[in-house]
């Protein structure tokens, strides 16, 4: 009797390539767009501050998620901590980081594009990942997916254990990922300074 081939985990390199391609497509807009919100200055500074908070929240949220999933990915269903409010909190906080970059650049258009496209790409990735998880864990994952939303959080469902096992190796890896998000802050400041100094040719956007 032949057995059905085992479903393989989703290749994360595809997700990384897709996000890099998206970043390259939006790079000219990030570099050369001059947000209308820069005038008045207080409006730009408000958006910029919200963006900084969003990026910091994204970094902290990713560390929070890694505390729970580190060392357990694809080995069992994690339902505690951030995984009790959504099934893919790493993708939730990554999207928040992309939104933060758009806000720091002072453009509602860039915020919508960066946040929306990141959410779309990661949502498609999550759907592909869940095909493996459903095949691997069957009814236990189906029940979890029924209770907990995919990416948009449901805060009322939060629950956590008294103690968890932490993977130091996964935390180290996430530290380097966090540097990418933290680099958004000086990057936005550099672009803002160059645009205000007239060192870049720009065009207005909302």
N, C-alpha and C. Protein backbone atom coordinates (compact mmCIF):
# COMPACT_ATOMS: atom_id res chain seq x y z
N UNK A 1 0.85 -1.21 0.00
CA UNK A 1 0.00 0.00 0.00
C UNK A 1 0.88 1.25 0.00
N UNK A 2 0.60 2.18 -0.90
CA UNK A 2 1.38 3.41 -0.96
C UNK A 2 0.80 4.44 -0.01
N UNK A 3 1.66 5.26 0.54
CA UNK A 3 1.22 6.32 1.45
C UNK A 3 1.37 7.67 0.76
N UNK A 4 0.50 8.60 1.12
CA UNK A 4 0.57 9.94 0.53
C UNK A 4 1.87 10.62 0.95
N UNK A 5 2.50 11.36 0.02
CA UNK A 5 3.74 12.05 0.38
C UNK A 5 3.51 13.06 1.49
N UNK A 6 4.47 13.16 2.39
CA UNK A 6 4.35 14.07 3.53
C UNK A 6 4.50 15.51 3.07
N UNK A 7 3.60 16.37 3.53
CA UNK A 7 3.66 17.78 3.19
C UNK A 7 4.91 18.40 3.79
N UNK A 8 5.67 19.14 2.97
CA UNK A 8 6.91 19.76 3.44
C UNK A 8 6.63 21.15 3.99
N UNK A 9 7.40 21.61 4.97
CA UNK A 9 7.24 22.98 5.46
C UNK A 9 7.48 23.99 4.35
N UNK A 10 6.84 25.13 4.44
CA UNK A 10 7.00 26.18 3.44
C UNK A 10 8.43 26.69 3.43
N UNK A 11 8.98 26.87 2.24
CA UNK A 11 10.35 27.37 2.09
C UNK A 11 10.38 28.86 2.39
N UNK A 12 10.99 29.23 3.53
CA UNK A 12 10.99 30.62 3.96
C UNK A 12 11.82 31.53 3.05
N UNK A 13 12.68 30.93 2.21
CA UNK A 13 13.46 31.74 1.28
C UNK A 13 12.55 32.45 0.29
N UNK A 14 11.40 31.84 -0.03
CA UNK A 14 10.44 32.46 -0.94
C UNK A 14 9.90 33.74 -0.31
N UNK A 15 9.55 33.68 0.97
CA UNK A 15 9.05 34.86 1.68
C UNK A 15 10.09 35.97 1.68
N UNK A 16 11.33 35.61 1.96
CA UNK A 16 12.40 36.61 2.04
C UNK A 16 12.61 37.26 0.67
N UNK A 17 12.61 36.45 -0.39
CA UNK A 17 12.80 37.01 -1.74
C UNK A 17 11.64 37.93 -2.11
N UNK A 18 10.42 37.55 -1.74
CA UNK A 18 9.25 38.37 -2.07
C UNK A 18 9.32 39.72 -1.36
N UNK A 19 9.70 39.72 -0.08
CA UNK A 19 9.80 40.98 0.66
C UNK A 19 10.93 41.86 0.13
N UNK A 20 12.04 41.24 -0.26
CA UNK A 20 13.14 42.01 -0.84
C UNK A 20 12.72 42.64 -2.16
N UNK A 21 12.00 41.88 -2.99
CA UNK A 21 11.54 42.41 -4.27
C UNK A 21 10.59 43.57 -4.05
N UNK A 22 9.69 43.44 -3.07
CA UNK A 22 8.77 44.52 -2.75
C UNK A 22 9.53 45.77 -2.31
N UNK A 23 10.56 45.57 -1.47
CA UNK A 23 11.35 46.70 -1.01
C UNK A 23 12.05 47.41 -2.15
N UNK A 24 12.58 46.64 -3.10
CA UNK A 24 13.27 47.24 -4.25
C UNK A 24 12.30 48.01 -5.13
N UNK A 25 11.07 47.50 -5.28
CA UNK A 25 10.08 48.19 -6.10
C UNK A 25 9.66 49.52 -5.48
N UNK A 26 9.58 49.55 -4.15
CA UNK A 26 9.15 50.77 -3.46
C UNK A 26 10.31 51.71 -3.14
N UNK A 27 11.54 51.25 -3.34
CA UNK A 27 12.71 52.06 -2.96
C UNK A 27 12.73 53.43 -3.65
N UNK A 28 12.48 53.52 -4.98
CA UNK A 28 12.47 54.86 -5.60
C UNK A 28 11.46 55.80 -4.97
N UNK A 29 10.28 55.27 -4.61
CA UNK A 29 9.26 56.10 -3.98
C UNK A 29 9.73 56.58 -2.61
N UNK A 30 10.39 55.69 -1.85
CA UNK A 30 10.88 56.08 -0.53
C UNK A 30 11.97 57.14 -0.62
N UNK A 31 12.81 57.04 -1.66
CA UNK A 31 13.95 57.96 -1.78
C UNK A 31 13.53 59.32 -2.33
N UNK A 32 12.66 59.32 -3.35
CA UNK A 32 12.42 60.56 -4.08
C UNK A 32 11.06 61.22 -3.78
N UNK A 33 10.20 60.55 -3.02
CA UNK A 33 8.90 61.16 -2.69
C UNK A 33 9.07 62.18 -1.57
N UNK A 34 8.47 63.34 -1.77
CA UNK A 34 8.49 64.40 -0.75
C UNK A 34 7.09 64.50 -0.15
N UNK A 35 6.90 63.99 1.07
CA UNK A 35 5.55 63.96 1.66
C UNK A 35 4.97 65.34 1.85
N UNK A 36 3.71 65.49 1.50
CA UNK A 36 3.00 66.74 1.74
C UNK A 36 2.94 67.03 3.23
N UNK A 37 2.93 65.93 4.04
CA UNK A 37 2.80 66.08 5.49
C UNK A 37 3.99 66.77 6.14
N UNK A 38 5.08 67.01 5.36
CA UNK A 38 6.22 67.73 5.94
C UNK A 38 5.84 69.17 6.25
N UNK A 39 4.76 69.66 5.65
CA UNK A 39 4.27 70.99 5.94
C UNK A 39 2.81 70.86 6.38
N UNK A 40 2.39 71.24 7.55
CA UNK A 40 3.24 71.85 8.58
C UNK A 40 4.16 70.84 9.25
N UNK A 41 5.23 71.35 9.82
CA UNK A 41 6.26 70.50 10.40
C UNK A 41 5.74 69.63 11.54
N UNK A 42 4.81 70.17 12.35
CA UNK A 42 4.32 69.40 13.50
C UNK A 42 3.62 68.12 13.05
N UNK A 43 2.98 68.18 11.86
CA UNK A 43 2.28 66.99 11.39
C UNK A 43 3.27 65.89 11.02
N UNK A 44 4.34 66.30 10.34
CA UNK A 44 5.38 65.32 9.99
C UNK A 44 6.01 64.74 11.25
N UNK A 45 6.30 65.59 12.22
CA UNK A 45 6.94 65.11 13.45
C UNK A 45 6.03 64.15 14.21
N UNK A 46 4.71 64.38 14.15
CA UNK A 46 3.77 63.46 14.80
C UNK A 46 3.80 62.09 14.12
N UNK A 47 3.76 62.10 12.78
CA UNK A 47 3.83 60.83 12.05
C UNK A 47 5.16 60.13 12.32
N UNK A 48 6.23 60.91 12.35
CA UNK A 48 7.55 60.34 12.58
C UNK A 48 7.62 59.68 13.96
N UNK A 49 7.08 60.32 14.98
CA UNK A 49 7.12 59.75 16.32
C UNK A 49 6.28 58.48 16.40
N UNK A 50 5.11 58.49 15.75
CA UNK A 50 4.29 57.28 15.71
C UNK A 50 5.04 56.15 15.01
N UNK A 51 5.79 56.51 13.98
CA UNK A 51 6.58 55.51 13.26
C UNK A 51 7.67 54.90 14.13
N UNK A 52 8.36 55.73 14.88
CA UNK A 52 9.41 55.24 15.77
C UNK A 52 8.82 54.28 16.80
N UNK A 53 7.70 54.66 17.41
CA UNK A 53 7.04 53.79 18.38
C UNK A 53 6.62 52.47 17.73
N UNK A 54 6.14 52.54 16.49
CA UNK A 54 5.71 51.33 15.79
C UNK A 54 6.87 50.39 15.54
N UNK A 55 8.01 50.93 15.14
CA UNK A 55 9.20 50.10 14.88
C UNK A 55 9.69 49.46 16.17
N UNK A 56 9.75 50.24 17.25
CA UNK A 56 10.19 49.69 18.53
C UNK A 56 9.22 48.60 19.00
N UNK A 57 7.91 48.85 18.85
CA UNK A 57 6.92 47.84 19.22
C UNK A 57 7.09 46.59 18.37
N UNK A 58 7.43 46.75 17.10
CA UNK A 58 7.65 45.60 16.21
C UNK A 58 8.82 44.77 16.69
N UNK A 59 9.91 45.42 17.07
CA UNK A 59 11.10 44.71 17.55
C UNK A 59 10.79 43.95 18.84
N UNK A 60 10.15 44.65 19.79
CA UNK A 60 9.81 44.01 21.06
C UNK A 60 8.82 42.87 20.85
N UNK A 61 7.87 43.07 19.95
CA UNK A 61 6.89 42.03 19.68
C UNK A 61 7.51 40.80 19.06
N UNK A 62 8.49 41.00 18.18
CA UNK A 62 9.17 39.85 17.58
C UNK A 62 9.95 39.07 18.63
N UNK A 63 10.62 39.77 19.54
CA UNK A 63 11.33 39.08 20.62
C UNK A 63 10.34 38.32 21.50
N UNK A 64 9.21 38.93 21.80
CA UNK A 64 8.17 38.28 22.59
C UNK A 64 7.73 36.98 21.92
N UNK A 65 7.52 37.05 20.63
CA UNK A 65 7.07 35.86 19.88
C UNK A 65 8.13 34.77 19.87
N UNK A 66 9.39 35.17 19.68
CA UNK A 66 10.47 34.18 19.63
C UNK A 66 10.63 33.48 20.97
N UNK A 67 10.35 34.17 22.07
CA UNK A 67 10.41 33.52 23.38
C UNK A 67 9.53 32.28 23.42
N UNK A 68 8.40 32.33 22.71
CA UNK A 68 7.45 31.22 22.74
C UNK A 68 7.69 30.20 21.63
N UNK A 69 8.00 30.66 20.42
CA UNK A 69 8.10 29.75 19.28
C UNK A 69 9.50 29.20 19.09
N UNK A 70 10.52 29.88 19.62
CA UNK A 70 11.91 29.48 19.40
C UNK A 70 12.17 28.03 19.79
N UNK A 71 12.68 27.24 18.85
CA UNK A 71 12.98 25.84 19.12
C UNK A 71 11.80 24.91 18.97
N UNK A 72 10.59 25.45 18.76
CA UNK A 72 9.38 24.61 18.66
C UNK A 72 8.70 24.71 17.30
N UNK A 73 9.20 25.58 16.42
CA UNK A 73 8.54 25.81 15.14
C UNK A 73 8.40 24.50 14.37
N UNK A 74 7.20 24.22 13.91
CA UNK A 74 6.85 23.04 13.12
C UNK A 74 6.97 21.72 13.89
N UNK A 75 7.19 21.82 15.23
CA UNK A 75 7.29 20.59 16.02
C UNK A 75 6.06 20.38 16.89
N UNK A 76 5.37 21.46 17.26
CA UNK A 76 4.12 21.36 17.99
C UNK A 76 3.33 22.66 17.85
N UNK A 77 2.06 22.62 18.19
CA UNK A 77 1.21 23.80 18.08
C UNK A 77 1.40 24.67 19.31
N UNK A 78 1.89 25.88 19.11
CA UNK A 78 2.07 26.84 20.20
C UNK A 78 0.80 27.68 20.30
N UNK A 79 0.20 27.71 21.48
CA UNK A 79 -1.07 28.42 21.67
C UNK A 79 -1.02 29.45 22.80
N UNK A 80 0.17 29.73 23.32
CA UNK A 80 0.30 30.62 24.48
C UNK A 80 0.92 31.96 24.08
N UNK A 81 0.84 32.92 24.98
CA UNK A 81 1.47 34.22 24.77
C UNK A 81 0.94 34.89 23.50
N UNK A 82 1.84 35.41 22.65
CA UNK A 82 1.38 36.09 21.43
C UNK A 82 0.63 35.15 20.50
N UNK A 83 0.89 33.85 20.61
CA UNK A 83 0.21 32.87 19.75
C UNK A 83 -1.21 32.57 20.23
N UNK A 84 -1.61 33.19 21.32
CA UNK A 84 -3.00 33.05 21.77
C UNK A 84 -3.86 34.18 21.22
N UNK A 85 -3.24 35.25 20.69
CA UNK A 85 -4.02 36.36 20.14
C UNK A 85 -4.03 36.34 18.61
N UNK A 86 -3.04 35.70 17.98
CA UNK A 86 -3.05 35.47 16.54
C UNK A 86 -2.09 34.32 16.23
N UNK A 87 -2.32 33.66 15.10
CA UNK A 87 -1.55 32.46 14.79
C UNK A 87 -0.15 32.77 14.25
N UNK A 88 0.04 33.99 13.77
CA UNK A 88 1.34 34.36 13.19
C UNK A 88 1.78 35.72 13.73
N UNK A 89 2.10 35.81 15.02
CA UNK A 89 2.46 37.12 15.58
C UNK A 89 3.75 37.70 15.01
N UNK A 90 4.68 36.85 14.57
CA UNK A 90 5.89 37.39 13.95
C UNK A 90 5.53 38.20 12.70
N UNK A 91 4.54 37.73 11.97
CA UNK A 91 4.10 38.44 10.78
C UNK A 91 3.32 39.70 11.14
N UNK A 92 2.57 39.63 12.23
CA UNK A 92 1.86 40.82 12.73
C UNK A 92 2.85 41.93 13.04
N UNK A 93 3.91 41.59 13.80
CA UNK A 93 4.86 42.63 14.21
C UNK A 93 5.76 43.07 13.06
N UNK A 94 6.03 42.19 12.11
CA UNK A 94 6.79 42.59 10.93
C UNK A 94 5.99 43.61 10.12
N UNK A 95 4.67 43.39 10.00
CA UNK A 95 3.81 44.35 9.30
C UNK A 95 3.80 45.68 10.04
N UNK A 96 3.76 45.63 11.37
CA UNK A 96 3.80 46.85 12.17
C UNK A 96 5.10 47.62 11.92
N UNK A 97 6.21 46.90 11.77
CA UNK A 97 7.48 47.55 11.47
C UNK A 97 7.46 48.23 10.12
N UNK A 98 6.85 47.60 9.12
CA UNK A 98 6.74 48.21 7.79
C UNK A 98 5.88 49.46 7.84
N UNK A 99 4.78 49.41 8.60
CA UNK A 99 3.93 50.59 8.79
C UNK A 99 4.74 51.71 9.46
N UNK A 100 5.56 51.33 10.44
CA UNK A 100 6.39 52.32 11.12
C UNK A 100 7.33 53.04 10.19
N UNK A 101 7.92 52.31 9.23
CA UNK A 101 8.83 52.94 8.27
C UNK A 101 8.06 53.96 7.43
N UNK A 102 6.88 53.60 6.96
CA UNK A 102 6.08 54.55 6.17
C UNK A 102 5.73 55.79 6.95
N UNK A 103 5.38 55.62 8.24
CA UNK A 103 5.05 56.77 9.08
C UNK A 103 6.26 57.66 9.30
N UNK A 104 7.43 57.05 9.51
CA UNK A 104 8.64 57.86 9.73
C UNK A 104 9.02 58.65 8.49
N UNK A 105 8.66 58.13 7.32
CA UNK A 105 8.92 58.86 6.08
C UNK A 105 7.88 59.95 5.84
N UNK A 106 6.85 60.01 6.71
CA UNK A 106 5.90 61.10 6.68
C UNK A 106 4.83 61.01 5.61
N UNK A 107 4.67 59.84 5.00
CA UNK A 107 3.73 59.70 3.90
C UNK A 107 2.65 58.67 4.22
N UNK A 108 1.40 59.09 4.13
CA UNK A 108 0.31 58.14 4.33
C UNK A 108 0.24 57.14 3.17
N UNK A 109 0.61 57.59 1.96
CA UNK A 109 0.64 56.69 0.81
C UNK A 109 1.68 55.59 1.01
N UNK A 110 2.89 55.98 1.41
CA UNK A 110 3.94 54.99 1.65
C UNK A 110 3.57 54.07 2.81
N UNK A 111 2.93 54.62 3.83
CA UNK A 111 2.50 53.80 4.96
C UNK A 111 1.52 52.73 4.49
N UNK A 112 0.55 53.13 3.66
CA UNK A 112 -0.44 52.19 3.16
C UNK A 112 0.21 51.14 2.25
N UNK A 113 1.13 51.57 1.39
CA UNK A 113 1.78 50.63 0.47
C UNK A 113 2.69 49.65 1.22
N UNK A 114 3.53 50.18 2.10
CA UNK A 114 4.45 49.31 2.84
C UNK A 114 3.69 48.35 3.75
N UNK A 115 2.72 48.89 4.50
CA UNK A 115 1.95 48.04 5.40
C UNK A 115 1.08 47.05 4.65
N UNK A 116 0.38 47.54 3.61
CA UNK A 116 -0.54 46.69 2.87
C UNK A 116 0.16 45.57 2.12
N UNK A 117 1.24 45.90 1.41
CA UNK A 117 1.95 44.88 0.64
C UNK A 117 2.65 43.88 1.55
N UNK A 118 3.20 44.36 2.67
CA UNK A 118 3.82 43.44 3.62
C UNK A 118 2.78 42.49 4.20
N UNK A 119 1.62 43.05 4.58
CA UNK A 119 0.54 42.22 5.12
C UNK A 119 0.08 41.19 4.09
N UNK A 120 -0.03 41.61 2.83
CA UNK A 120 -0.47 40.70 1.78
C UNK A 120 0.54 39.58 1.57
N UNK A 121 1.82 39.94 1.48
CA UNK A 121 2.86 38.93 1.25
C UNK A 121 2.95 37.96 2.42
N UNK A 122 2.90 38.46 3.63
CA UNK A 122 3.00 37.60 4.79
C UNK A 122 1.72 36.79 5.01
N UNK A 123 0.58 37.36 4.62
CA UNK A 123 -0.67 36.60 4.70
C UNK A 123 -0.65 35.41 3.76
N UNK A 124 -0.11 35.60 2.55
CA UNK A 124 0.01 34.49 1.60
C UNK A 124 1.00 33.45 2.12
N UNK A 125 2.08 33.92 2.74
CA UNK A 125 3.05 33.00 3.34
C UNK A 125 2.41 32.19 4.45
N UNK A 126 1.62 32.86 5.29
CA UNK A 126 0.96 32.18 6.40
C UNK A 126 0.02 31.09 5.89
N UNK A 127 -0.70 31.39 4.81
CA UNK A 127 -1.62 30.39 4.24
C UNK A 127 -0.86 29.16 3.76
N UNK A 128 0.31 29.38 3.14
CA UNK A 128 1.12 28.26 2.67
C UNK A 128 1.68 27.47 3.85
N UNK A 129 2.10 28.17 4.89
CA UNK A 129 2.62 27.49 6.08
C UNK A 129 1.55 26.63 6.74
N UNK A 130 0.33 27.13 6.74
CA UNK A 130 -0.75 26.42 7.43
C UNK A 130 -1.16 25.15 6.71
N UNK A 131 -0.87 25.05 5.41
CA UNK A 131 -1.13 23.80 4.71
C UNK A 131 -0.28 22.68 5.33
N UNK A 132 0.96 23.01 5.66
CA UNK A 132 1.83 22.03 6.33
C UNK A 132 1.35 21.76 7.75
N UNK A 133 1.00 22.81 8.48
CA UNK A 133 0.60 22.64 9.87
C UNK A 133 -0.68 21.82 10.00
N UNK A 134 -1.61 22.02 9.09
CA UNK A 134 -2.85 21.24 9.12
C UNK A 134 -2.57 19.77 8.80
N UNK A 135 -1.67 19.55 7.84
CA UNK A 135 -1.32 18.16 7.50
C UNK A 135 -0.54 17.50 8.63
N UNK A 136 0.29 18.28 9.33
CA UNK A 136 1.16 17.74 10.37
C UNK A 136 0.41 17.47 11.67
N UNK A 137 -0.48 18.40 12.05
CA UNK A 137 -1.09 18.32 13.38
C UNK A 137 -2.59 18.03 13.36
N UNK A 138 -3.19 18.04 12.16
CA UNK A 138 -4.57 17.62 12.01
C UNK A 138 -5.57 18.38 12.86
N UNK A 139 -6.43 17.66 13.59
CA UNK A 139 -7.51 18.29 14.35
C UNK A 139 -7.05 19.31 15.39
N UNK A 140 -5.87 19.08 15.99
CA UNK A 140 -5.42 20.02 17.01
C UNK A 140 -5.14 21.40 16.41
N UNK A 141 -4.58 21.43 15.19
CA UNK A 141 -4.35 22.72 14.55
C UNK A 141 -5.65 23.31 14.03
N UNK A 142 -6.55 22.46 13.53
CA UNK A 142 -7.84 22.95 13.05
C UNK A 142 -8.61 23.63 14.18
N UNK A 143 -8.56 23.05 15.37
CA UNK A 143 -9.25 23.63 16.51
C UNK A 143 -8.62 24.95 16.92
N UNK A 144 -7.29 24.99 16.89
CA UNK A 144 -6.56 26.22 17.20
C UNK A 144 -6.90 27.32 16.19
N UNK A 145 -6.91 26.96 14.89
CA UNK A 145 -7.22 27.94 13.85
C UNK A 145 -8.66 28.43 13.95
N UNK A 146 -9.55 27.61 14.45
CA UNK A 146 -10.94 28.02 14.61
C UNK A 146 -11.08 29.09 15.69
N UNK A 147 -10.25 29.02 16.74
CA UNK A 147 -10.35 29.94 17.87
C UNK A 147 -9.56 31.23 17.68
N UNK A 148 -8.43 31.12 16.98
CA UNK A 148 -7.47 32.22 16.95
C UNK A 148 -7.31 32.75 15.53
N UNK A 149 -7.42 34.08 15.31
CA UNK A 149 -7.29 34.64 13.97
C UNK A 149 -5.87 34.49 13.42
N UNK A 150 -5.75 34.60 12.10
CA UNK A 150 -4.46 34.34 11.45
C UNK A 150 -3.40 35.39 11.81
N UNK A 151 -3.64 36.66 11.48
CA UNK A 151 -2.63 37.70 11.72
C UNK A 151 -3.20 38.85 12.55
N UNK A 152 -4.37 39.35 12.19
CA UNK A 152 -4.95 40.45 12.97
C UNK A 152 -5.31 39.94 14.36
N UNK A 153 -4.84 40.60 15.42
CA UNK A 153 -4.95 40.03 16.78
C UNK A 153 -6.34 40.12 17.38
N UNK A 154 -6.61 39.17 18.25
CA UNK A 154 -7.82 39.17 19.07
C UNK A 154 -7.37 39.17 20.53
N UNK A 155 -7.24 40.36 21.10
CA UNK A 155 -6.60 40.52 22.40
C UNK A 155 -7.36 39.81 23.52
N UNK A 156 -8.66 39.65 23.36
CA UNK A 156 -9.46 39.01 24.42
C UNK A 156 -9.08 37.55 24.61
N UNK A 157 -8.45 36.95 23.63
CA UNK A 157 -8.09 35.54 23.74
C UNK A 157 -6.75 35.29 24.41
N UNK A 158 -6.10 36.33 24.92
CA UNK A 158 -4.75 36.16 25.47
C UNK A 158 -4.72 35.20 26.65
N UNK A 159 -3.72 34.32 26.64
CA UNK A 159 -3.44 33.45 27.78
C UNK A 159 -1.98 33.03 27.69
N UNK A 160 -1.39 32.66 28.83
CA UNK A 160 0.00 32.26 28.84
C UNK A 160 0.27 31.32 30.00
N UNK A 161 1.31 30.53 29.86
CA UNK A 161 1.74 29.64 30.92
C UNK A 161 2.57 30.41 31.94
N UNK A 162 2.76 29.81 33.11
CA UNK A 162 3.55 30.45 34.16
C UNK A 162 5.03 30.51 33.79
N UNK A 163 5.50 29.55 33.00
CA UNK A 163 6.90 29.52 32.60
C UNK A 163 7.01 28.93 31.21
N UNK A 164 8.06 29.32 30.49
CA UNK A 164 8.31 28.81 29.14
C UNK A 164 9.78 28.45 28.99
N UNK A 165 10.09 27.62 28.00
CA UNK A 165 11.48 27.27 27.67
C UNK A 165 11.94 28.15 26.53
N UNK A 166 13.08 28.81 26.71
CA UNK A 166 13.58 29.80 25.74
C UNK A 166 14.75 29.22 24.97
N UNK A 167 14.76 29.44 23.66
CA UNK A 167 15.87 29.03 22.81
C UNK A 167 16.81 30.23 22.62
N UNK A 168 18.00 30.13 23.19
CA UNK A 168 18.97 31.23 23.08
C UNK A 168 19.40 31.43 21.64
N UNK A 169 19.55 30.33 20.91
CA UNK A 169 19.95 30.43 19.51
C UNK A 169 18.94 31.20 18.68
N UNK A 170 17.65 30.94 18.89
CA UNK A 170 16.61 31.66 18.16
C UNK A 170 16.57 33.13 18.55
N UNK A 171 16.82 33.42 19.82
CA UNK A 171 16.88 34.82 20.25
C UNK A 171 18.04 35.54 19.57
N UNK A 172 19.16 34.87 19.44
CA UNK A 172 20.31 35.47 18.78
C UNK A 172 19.99 35.78 17.31
N UNK A 173 19.34 34.83 16.64
CA UNK A 173 18.96 35.06 15.25
C UNK A 173 17.99 36.22 15.13
N UNK A 174 17.03 36.30 16.05
CA UNK A 174 16.06 37.38 16.01
C UNK A 174 16.70 38.73 16.31
N UNK A 175 17.80 38.72 17.07
CA UNK A 175 18.51 39.96 17.36
C UNK A 175 19.00 40.60 16.05
N UNK A 176 19.56 39.79 15.18
CA UNK A 176 20.06 40.32 13.91
C UNK A 176 18.90 40.75 13.00
N UNK A 177 17.77 40.03 13.07
CA UNK A 177 16.58 40.47 12.33
C UNK A 177 16.10 41.82 12.87
N UNK A 178 16.19 41.99 14.19
CA UNK A 178 15.73 43.23 14.81
C UNK A 178 16.57 44.42 14.34
N UNK A 179 17.85 44.17 14.07
CA UNK A 179 18.70 45.26 13.60
C UNK A 179 18.20 45.84 12.28
N UNK A 180 17.58 44.98 11.45
CA UNK A 180 17.02 45.46 10.18
C UNK A 180 15.91 46.46 10.47
N UNK A 181 15.02 46.13 11.40
CA UNK A 181 13.93 47.04 11.74
C UNK A 181 14.45 48.31 12.40
N UNK A 182 15.42 48.17 13.30
CA UNK A 182 15.97 49.34 13.97
C UNK A 182 16.70 50.26 12.99
N UNK A 183 17.24 49.68 11.92
CA UNK A 183 17.93 50.50 10.92
C UNK A 183 16.96 51.42 10.18
N UNK A 184 15.65 51.12 10.26
CA UNK A 184 14.66 51.99 9.64
C UNK A 184 14.72 53.40 10.24
N UNK A 185 15.05 53.50 11.53
CA UNK A 185 15.02 54.80 12.21
C UNK A 185 16.10 55.74 11.66
N UNK A 186 17.39 55.34 11.65
CA UNK A 186 18.38 56.25 11.05
C UNK A 186 18.19 56.42 9.54
N UNK A 187 17.69 55.38 8.85
CA UNK A 187 17.46 55.50 7.41
C UNK A 187 16.44 56.60 7.13
N UNK A 188 15.35 56.61 7.88
CA UNK A 188 14.32 57.64 7.69
C UNK A 188 14.87 59.02 8.00
N UNK A 189 15.71 59.12 9.04
CA UNK A 189 16.29 60.41 9.41
C UNK A 189 17.23 60.92 8.31
N UNK A 190 18.02 60.03 7.74
CA UNK A 190 18.95 60.42 6.68
C UNK A 190 18.19 60.91 5.45
N UNK A 191 17.16 60.17 5.05
CA UNK A 191 16.37 60.57 3.89
C UNK A 191 15.67 61.90 4.13
N UNK A 192 15.14 62.08 5.35
CA UNK A 192 14.47 63.34 5.67
C UNK A 192 15.44 64.51 5.55
N UNK A 193 16.65 64.34 6.12
CA UNK A 193 17.64 65.41 6.06
C UNK A 193 18.05 65.75 4.64
N UNK A 194 18.24 64.73 3.81
CA UNK A 194 18.66 64.97 2.42
C UNK A 194 17.56 65.65 1.62
N UNK A 195 16.30 65.28 1.87
CA UNK A 195 15.20 65.90 1.14
C UNK A 195 15.02 67.36 1.55
N UNK A 196 15.10 67.62 2.86
CA UNK A 196 14.92 68.98 3.34
C UNK A 196 16.08 69.89 2.91
N UNK A 197 17.26 69.29 2.71
CA UNK A 197 18.41 70.07 2.26
C UNK A 197 18.44 70.23 0.75
N UNK A 198 17.49 69.63 0.06
CA UNK A 198 17.45 69.74 -1.39
C UNK A 198 18.51 68.91 -2.10
N UNK A 199 19.05 67.90 -1.43
CA UNK A 199 20.10 67.08 -2.04
C UNK A 199 19.55 65.97 -2.91
N UNK A 200 18.22 65.76 -2.87
CA UNK A 200 17.59 64.75 -3.71
C UNK A 200 16.49 65.38 -4.55
N UNK A 201 16.38 64.99 -5.82
CA UNK A 201 15.22 65.44 -6.61
C UNK A 201 13.98 64.74 -6.08
N UNK A 202 12.94 65.50 -5.78
CA UNK A 202 11.75 64.92 -5.16
C UNK A 202 10.47 65.32 -5.90
N UNK A 203 9.42 64.56 -5.67
CA UNK A 203 8.09 64.88 -6.15
C UNK A 203 7.10 64.69 -5.00
N UNK A 204 6.04 65.51 -4.94
CA UNK A 204 5.12 65.44 -3.78
C UNK A 204 4.21 64.24 -3.83
N UNK A 205 3.97 63.66 -2.65
CA UNK A 205 2.98 62.60 -2.50
C UNK A 205 2.21 62.87 -1.21
N UNK A 206 1.07 62.23 -1.07
CA UNK A 206 0.26 62.40 0.14
C UNK A 206 0.78 61.47 1.21
